[in-house]
Amino acid sequence: MYINNQPVFTAETQYPEALKEWREYDHSLTDKLQALKGSTQLELISQQWIKPTWWDTYLLQVNDELIFQREIIMQHREVDYWYARTIIPQKCYKIYPEFFKRLEKESIRNLIFDSHQVHRVAMISYPVDKHCIEFNWLKKNRDTIDGIIWVRLAEFSLEHLESFYLAELLLPELESKL
């Protein structure tokens, strides 16, 4: 699979350099935030098997009947810094279910950055606003959000066999509170 890097809607931004250091960071954003702030808190919003959405099918090229989707907000002292959505197609999950069951107690960070079985295939970033699907994932969990949000979308390969995805929506607080 591959990420279709021609999103249907992206936002125009006057600040293309905004959050560039965070958008292009190759390692764990959680580790970076923790190094700056001293601690982080992960708020689990949902974790469930669902049918792929139009976005999963079009942008990620997922054709599976089901995906395992996990949504979180990463915080420090009750300040939200990013929203993240993990998308694991059923075919990928079935390769190594015990590996992904760790998400019941662990962060995706541990699975991605502490495992030699996972490799990043691609990563893109792009701005979205209230007219974009990704923006509305966040809006339903944080209704005060407005303006431009940067998305960092990465594809990871498990055992070089199947892909799973991590979309991180970087909030303005990431720039203003650090």
Protein backbone atom coordinates (compact mmCIF):
# COMPACT_ATOMS: atom_id res chain seq x y z
CA MET A 1 0.00 0.00 0.00
CA TYR A 2 1.01 3.60 -0.29
CA ILE A 3 -0.21 6.99 0.83
CA ASN A 4 -2.03 8.84 -1.91
CA ASN A 5 -0.25 12.18 -1.51
CA GLN A 6 -2.90 14.01 -3.49
CA PRO A 7 -5.38 14.79 -0.70
CA VAL A 8 -8.78 15.95 -1.87
CA PHE A 9 -8.74 19.03 0.33
CA THR A 10 -5.85 20.86 1.94
CA ALA A 11 -5.81 24.35 3.36
CA GLU A 12 -3.87 27.35 2.16
CA THR A 13 -1.54 28.64 4.84
CA GLN A 14 0.29 31.92 5.25
CA TYR A 15 2.78 30.21 7.54
CA PRO A 16 4.33 27.24 5.69
CA GLU A 17 7.15 27.13 8.24
CA ALA A 18 4.76 26.68 11.20
CA LEU A 19 5.64 23.66 13.31
CA LYS A 20 8.21 22.58 10.71
CA GLU A 21 10.59 21.27 13.38
CA TRP A 22 7.80 19.04 14.72
CA ARG A 23 6.40 18.03 11.31
CA GLU A 24 9.79 16.87 10.04
CA TYR A 25 11.00 15.25 13.25
CA ASP A 26 12.07 11.65 12.47
CA HIS A 27 11.69 10.20 15.94
CA SER A 28 9.01 10.03 18.62
CA LEU A 29 7.07 13.28 19.15
CA THR A 30 6.21 11.98 22.62
CA ASP A 31 9.89 11.70 23.52
CA LYS A 32 10.52 15.20 22.16
CA LEU A 33 7.65 16.68 24.18
CA GLN A 34 8.73 14.79 27.28
CA ALA A 35 12.30 16.08 26.93
CA LEU A 36 10.97 19.65 26.73
CA LYS A 37 8.28 19.43 29.41
CA GLY A 38 9.41 16.62 31.69
CA SER A 39 6.23 14.54 31.37
CA THR A 40 3.35 13.66 29.05
CA GLN A 41 -0.11 12.18 29.46
CA LEU A 42 -1.92 10.09 26.88
CA GLU A 43 -5.71 10.40 26.86
CA LEU A 44 -7.29 7.44 25.07
CA ILE A 45 -10.39 8.58 23.17
CA SER A 46 -11.31 5.32 21.44
CA GLN A 47 -9.86 2.02 20.31
CA GLN A 48 -12.03 -0.26 18.19
CA TRP A 49 -12.57 -2.28 15.04
CA ILE A 50 -14.53 -0.31 12.43
CA LYS A 51 -15.23 -0.33 8.70
CA PRO A 52 -12.74 1.81 6.75
CA THR A 53 -13.95 5.30 6.00
CA TRP A 54 -13.79 6.97 2.62
CA TRP A 55 -10.59 8.73 3.82
CA ASP A 56 -8.94 5.38 4.71
CA THR A 57 -9.87 3.94 1.33
CA TYR A 58 -8.96 6.95 -0.80
CA LEU A 59 -5.92 8.41 0.93
CA LEU A 60 -4.38 5.26 2.45
CA GLN A 61 -5.59 2.83 -0.21
CA VAL A 62 -6.97 0.47 2.49
CA ASN A 63 -9.19 -2.23 0.99
CA ASP A 64 -9.70 -4.39 4.08
CA GLU A 65 -13.17 -5.12 5.45
CA LEU A 66 -12.17 -3.78 8.89
CA ILE A 67 -9.51 -1.58 10.44
CA PHE A 68 -8.38 -1.26 14.03
CA GLN A 69 -8.57 2.44 14.82
CA ARG A 70 -7.14 4.11 17.91
CA GLU A 71 -7.57 7.79 18.75
CA ILE A 72 -5.66 9.66 21.44
CA ILE A 73 -4.83 13.16 22.62
CA MET A 74 -1.29 13.79 23.88
CA GLN A 75 -1.08 16.27 26.74
CA HIS A 76 1.13 17.84 29.33
CA ARG A 77 -0.60 19.20 32.44
CA GLU A 78 -4.00 19.12 30.73
CA VAL A 79 -2.80 21.14 27.73
CA ASP A 80 -3.48 19.29 24.46
CA TYR A 81 -0.52 19.19 22.06
CA TRP A 82 -1.69 16.76 19.38
CA TYR A 83 -4.42 14.38 18.39
CA ALA A 84 -3.33 11.06 16.87
CA ARG A 85 -5.22 8.41 14.95
CA THR A 86 -3.67 5.00 14.35
CA ILE A 87 -5.14 2.98 11.47
CA ILE A 88 -4.24 -0.71 11.33
CA PRO A 89 -5.80 -2.64 8.42
CA GLN A 90 -7.06 -6.11 9.33
CA LYS A 91 -4.45 -7.84 7.11
CA CYS A 92 -1.64 -6.07 8.96
CA TYR A 93 -3.11 -6.78 12.40
CA LYS A 94 -3.47 -10.50 11.61
CA ILE A 95 0.26 -10.84 10.86
CA TYR A 96 1.11 -10.41 14.52
CA PRO A 97 -1.98 -9.86 16.75
CA GLU A 98 0.04 -10.12 19.99
CA PHE A 99 2.15 -7.19 18.84
CA PHE A 100 -0.87 -4.93 18.34
CA LYS A 101 -2.66 -6.15 21.49
CA ARG A 102 0.05 -4.27 23.35
CA LEU A 103 -1.93 -1.13 22.46
CA GLU A 104 -4.35 -2.10 25.24
CA LYS A 105 -1.66 -1.02 27.72
CA GLU A 106 1.00 0.81 25.73
CA SER A 107 1.46 3.78 23.44
CA ILE A 108 1.94 3.30 19.69
CA ARG A 109 5.29 5.00 20.33
CA ASN A 110 6.57 1.80 21.98
CA LEU A 111 5.52 -0.34 19.05
CA ILE A 112 7.03 1.94 16.42
CA PHE A 113 10.25 3.17 17.98
CA ASP A 114 11.20 0.26 20.25
CA SER A 115 10.79 -2.52 17.68
CA HIS A 116 13.03 -3.71 14.88
CA GLN A 117 9.91 -5.22 13.24
CA VAL A 118 8.50 -1.80 12.29
CA HIS A 119 9.95 0.43 9.58
CA ARG A 120 8.76 3.82 8.38
CA VAL A 121 7.90 3.69 4.68
CA ALA A 122 6.77 7.27 4.11
CA MET A 123 5.86 10.47 5.92
CA ILE A 124 4.12 13.58 4.61
CA SER A 125 2.73 16.70 6.24
CA TYR A 126 0.06 19.08 5.04
CA PRO A 127 -2.20 21.82 6.43
CA VAL A 128 -5.94 21.34 6.97
CA ASP A 129 -8.79 23.58 8.07
CA LYS A 130 -12.49 23.22 8.92
CA HIS A 131 -13.28 22.12 5.35
CA CYS A 132 -11.03 19.04 5.59
CA ILE A 133 -11.97 15.60 6.91
CA GLU A 134 -8.95 15.36 9.22
CA PHE A 135 -9.86 18.64 10.93
CA ASN A 136 -13.26 17.21 11.88
CA TRP A 137 -11.71 14.23 13.68
CA LEU A 138 -10.24 16.76 16.07
CA LYS A 139 -13.27 19.05 16.12
CA LYS A 140 -15.52 16.32 17.53
CA ASN A 141 -13.12 15.89 20.47
CA ARG A 142 -12.04 19.50 20.95
CA ASP A 143 -14.77 21.88 19.82
CA THR A 144 -12.82 25.10 20.45
CA ILE A 145 -10.33 24.44 17.67
CA ASP A 146 -10.23 26.77 14.67
CA GLY A 147 -7.80 27.89 11.98
CA ILE A 148 -5.07 25.81 10.34
CA ILE A 149 -3.89 22.49 11.76
CA TRP A 150 -0.86 20.62 10.45
CA VAL A 151 -1.20 16.88 9.81
CA ARG A 152 1.79 14.57 9.95
CA LEU A 153 0.88 11.30 8.24
CA ALA A 154 3.22 8.32 8.32
CA GLU A 155 3.07 4.84 6.84
CA PHE A 156 4.81 2.04 8.72
CA SER A 157 5.54 -1.50 7.60
CA LEU A 158 5.31 -4.50 9.93
CA GLU A 159 7.92 -7.12 9.05
CA HIS A 160 8.06 -5.57 5.54
CA LEU A 161 4.76 -7.34 4.83
CA GLU A 162 1.81 -5.02 5.48
CA SER A 163 1.35 -1.36 6.36
CA PHE A 164 -0.32 0.58 9.14
CA TYR A 165 -0.65 4.34 9.54
CA LEU A 166 -0.33 7.12 12.08
CA ALA A 167 -1.94 10.52 11.52
CA GLU A 168 -0.92 13.20 14.03
CA LEU A 169 -2.73 16.55 14.05
CA LEU A 170 -0.37 19.08 15.58
CA LEU A 171 -2.15 21.70 17.65
CA PRO A 172 -1.15 25.39 17.83
CA GLU A 173 -0.24 24.91 21.51
CA LEU A 174 2.75 22.89 20.36
CA GLU A 175 4.26 26.10 19.06
CA SER A 176 2.88 28.65 21.50
CA LYS A 177 3.38 26.82 24.82
CA LEU A 178 6.92 25.53 24.29
